[in-house]
Structure formats: C-alpha cells, structure tokens
Amino acid sequence: QVQLVESGGGLGQPGGSLSVSCVASGSMFRAYAMGWYRQAPGNQRELVAGITSGGNTNYAASVKGRFTISRDNAKNTVYLQMNSLKPEDTAVYYCNTDPNMFPWGQGTQVTVSS
C-alpha cells in the first residue's frame, strides 16, 4: 500500500510564492505519473498539475505559467512550486498518482491572503 505524505504550504501573500512537497512510500514511485490536486471549501478536488514518469508536465489553465511540478525519483518525492499566488489558490493540496489510485494523504493547507 502506497502512503503519501504532503508537507510545506502555509500562509502566502498575493503575488508571493510557496512550495509543497510529497513523499511516497514504496519502490514503484518512479513508474507512476504523479499529480498535485487541490480542494477548496465547498469545491470538488481538482487536478492542477501532473508529471509523467518521464518528466513531461501538464497544468490546469488556472495555474499554468505560475506553478511548476517536478519530481525526484531517488527521493520518492514530488514537488509543486507556486509563484504569483492568488487568493483563489487557497485550498488543501494533495498529491496522488494521475489518475489517483491510492488513498489520499492528509494534505497540506495553502492560504493566500494579505
């Protein structure tokens, strides 16, 4: 069973930057396409960024040009760098495979506010 542990995030200002990371257990991490998802209060969870096992990336229109997903297979870790933050980026951020296959972790809160 793969376990996912997200960390980072916190409080950021509009126009600022934050980063989140996710460590996955198991030896098959490098074989999976991974994604960062977010869920704001009252909204469904949505995929905002994905990265294939080969390193190709894709982004939701709402974050394209501002967010960057990356991975380090040696560390079983996937990262999300968030720049030019907007209040509407406020959400709990989760990682999982893309599409999601494993139990969700606890997520990490990102709040964008002045």
Protein backbone atom coordinates (compact mmCIF):
# COMPACT_ATOMS: atom_id res chain seq x y z
CA GLN A 1 0.00 0.00 0.00
CA VAL A 2 1.44 3.36 -1.03
CA GLN A 3 1.34 6.10 1.57
CA LEU A 4 1.50 9.75 0.62
CA VAL A 5 2.70 12.47 2.99
CA GLU A 6 2.38 16.10 1.97
CA SER A 7 4.21 18.97 3.62
CA GLY A 8 5.00 22.63 3.12
CA GLY A 9 2.44 25.23 2.22
CA GLY A 10 1.28 27.68 4.85
CA LEU A 11 0.33 31.33 4.52
CA GLY A 12 1.39 33.31 1.48
CA GLN A 13 0.65 36.77 0.19
CA PRO A 14 -0.91 37.55 -3.17
CA GLY A 15 1.90 37.68 -5.71
CA GLY A 16 4.15 35.66 -3.45
CA SER A 17 5.49 32.13 -3.59
CA LEU A 18 5.07 28.91 -1.68
CA SER A 19 6.12 25.34 -2.25
CA VAL A 20 4.74 21.98 -1.22
CA SER A 21 6.26 18.53 -1.37
CA CYS A 22 5.03 14.96 -1.14
CA VAL A 23 6.90 11.82 -0.20
CA ALA A 24 5.53 8.48 -1.37
CA SER A 25 6.34 5.14 0.15
CA GLY A 26 7.06 2.09 -1.98
CA SER A 27 9.55 1.13 -4.64
CA MET A 28 7.40 1.77 -7.70
CA PHE A 29 7.22 5.56 -7.40
CA ARG A 30 9.30 6.19 -10.48
CA ALA A 31 6.86 4.21 -12.63
CA TYR A 32 3.85 6.35 -11.81
CA ALA A 33 2.61 9.57 -13.29
CA MET A 34 2.03 11.86 -10.32
CA GLY A 35 -0.23 14.80 -9.78
CA TRP A 36 -0.95 17.64 -7.41
CA TYR A 37 -4.59 18.17 -6.58
CA ARG A 38 -6.34 20.79 -4.52
CA GLN A 39 -9.67 21.16 -2.80
CA ALA A 40 -11.08 24.46 -1.69
CA PRO A 41 -14.01 24.66 0.76
CA GLY A 42 -17.23 23.79 -0.99
CA ASN A 43 -15.44 22.67 -4.16
CA GLN A 44 -14.55 19.31 -5.59
CA ARG A 45 -10.97 18.14 -5.60
CA GLU A 46 -9.27 19.11 -8.85
CA LEU A 47 -6.03 18.18 -10.57
CA VAL A 48 -3.84 21.24 -11.00
CA ALA A 49 -0.55 19.75 -12.21
CA GLY A 50 0.72 16.42 -13.43
CA ILE A 51 4.08 14.90 -14.28
CA THR A 52 4.68 11.65 -16.12
CA SER A 53 7.27 9.07 -15.19
CA GLY A 54 9.39 10.55 -17.95
CA GLY A 55 9.09 14.08 -16.67
CA ASN A 56 6.53 15.56 -19.05
CA THR A 57 4.29 18.05 -17.31
CA ASN A 58 0.78 19.40 -17.73
CA TYR A 59 -1.15 22.07 -15.89
CA ALA A 60 -4.66 23.28 -15.35
CA ALA A 61 -5.36 26.54 -17.13
CA SER A 62 -5.83 28.30 -13.80
CA VAL A 63 -2.22 27.67 -12.72
CA LYS A 64 -0.33 27.41 -16.00
CA GLY A 65 2.63 29.73 -16.07
CA ARG A 66 2.57 30.17 -12.29
CA PHE A 67 3.01 26.66 -10.87
CA THR A 68 5.80 24.18 -11.59
CA ILE A 69 5.65 20.48 -10.78
CA SER A 70 8.81 18.42 -10.52
CA ARG A 71 9.90 15.08 -9.13
CA ASP A 72 12.95 13.42 -7.65
CA ASN A 73 12.65 9.68 -8.15
CA ALA A 74 15.66 8.96 -5.95
CA LYS A 75 13.80 10.56 -3.05
CA ASN A 76 10.31 9.31 -3.97
CA THR A 77 9.26 12.95 -3.85
CA VAL A 78 7.13 15.22 -6.00
CA TYR A 79 7.21 18.99 -5.61
CA LEU A 80 4.97 21.91 -6.53
CA GLN A 81 6.45 25.39 -6.73
CA MET A 82 3.71 28.02 -6.65
CA ASN A 83 4.52 31.56 -7.80
CA SER A 84 2.38 34.64 -8.38
CA LEU A 85 -0.09 33.34 -5.84
CA LYS A 86 -3.71 34.41 -5.94
CA PRO A 87 -6.35 34.24 -3.20
CA GLU A 88 -8.19 31.64 -5.28
CA ASP A 89 -5.20 29.31 -4.86
CA THR A 90 -6.28 28.87 -1.25
CA ALA A 91 -7.02 25.18 -0.73
CA VAL A 92 -5.77 21.96 0.78
CA TYR A 93 -3.19 20.48 -1.58
CA TYR A 94 -2.79 16.74 -2.07
CA CYS A 95 -0.59 14.54 -4.20
CA ASN A 96 -1.52 11.22 -5.74
CA THR A 97 -0.94 9.33 -8.92
CA ASP A 98 -2.52 10.75 -12.07
CA PRO A 99 -5.20 9.49 -12.23
CA ASN A 100 -5.45 8.91 -8.50
CA MET A 101 -5.11 5.30 -7.42
CA PHE A 102 -4.03 5.36 -3.80
CA PRO A 103 -5.55 6.51 -0.52
CA TRP A 104 -5.33 10.23 -0.04
CA GLY A 105 -2.87 11.68 2.45
CA GLN A 106 -3.74 14.37 4.95
CA GLY A 107 -2.92 17.15 2.52
CA THR A 108 -1.30 20.46 3.33
CA GLN A 109 -3.09 23.79 3.70
CA VAL A 110 -2.18 26.68 1.44
CA THR A 111 -3.74 30.02 2.30
CA VAL A 112 -3.20 33.11 0.17
CA SER A 113 -4.20 36.29 1.89
CA SER A 114 -2.90 39.76 2.57
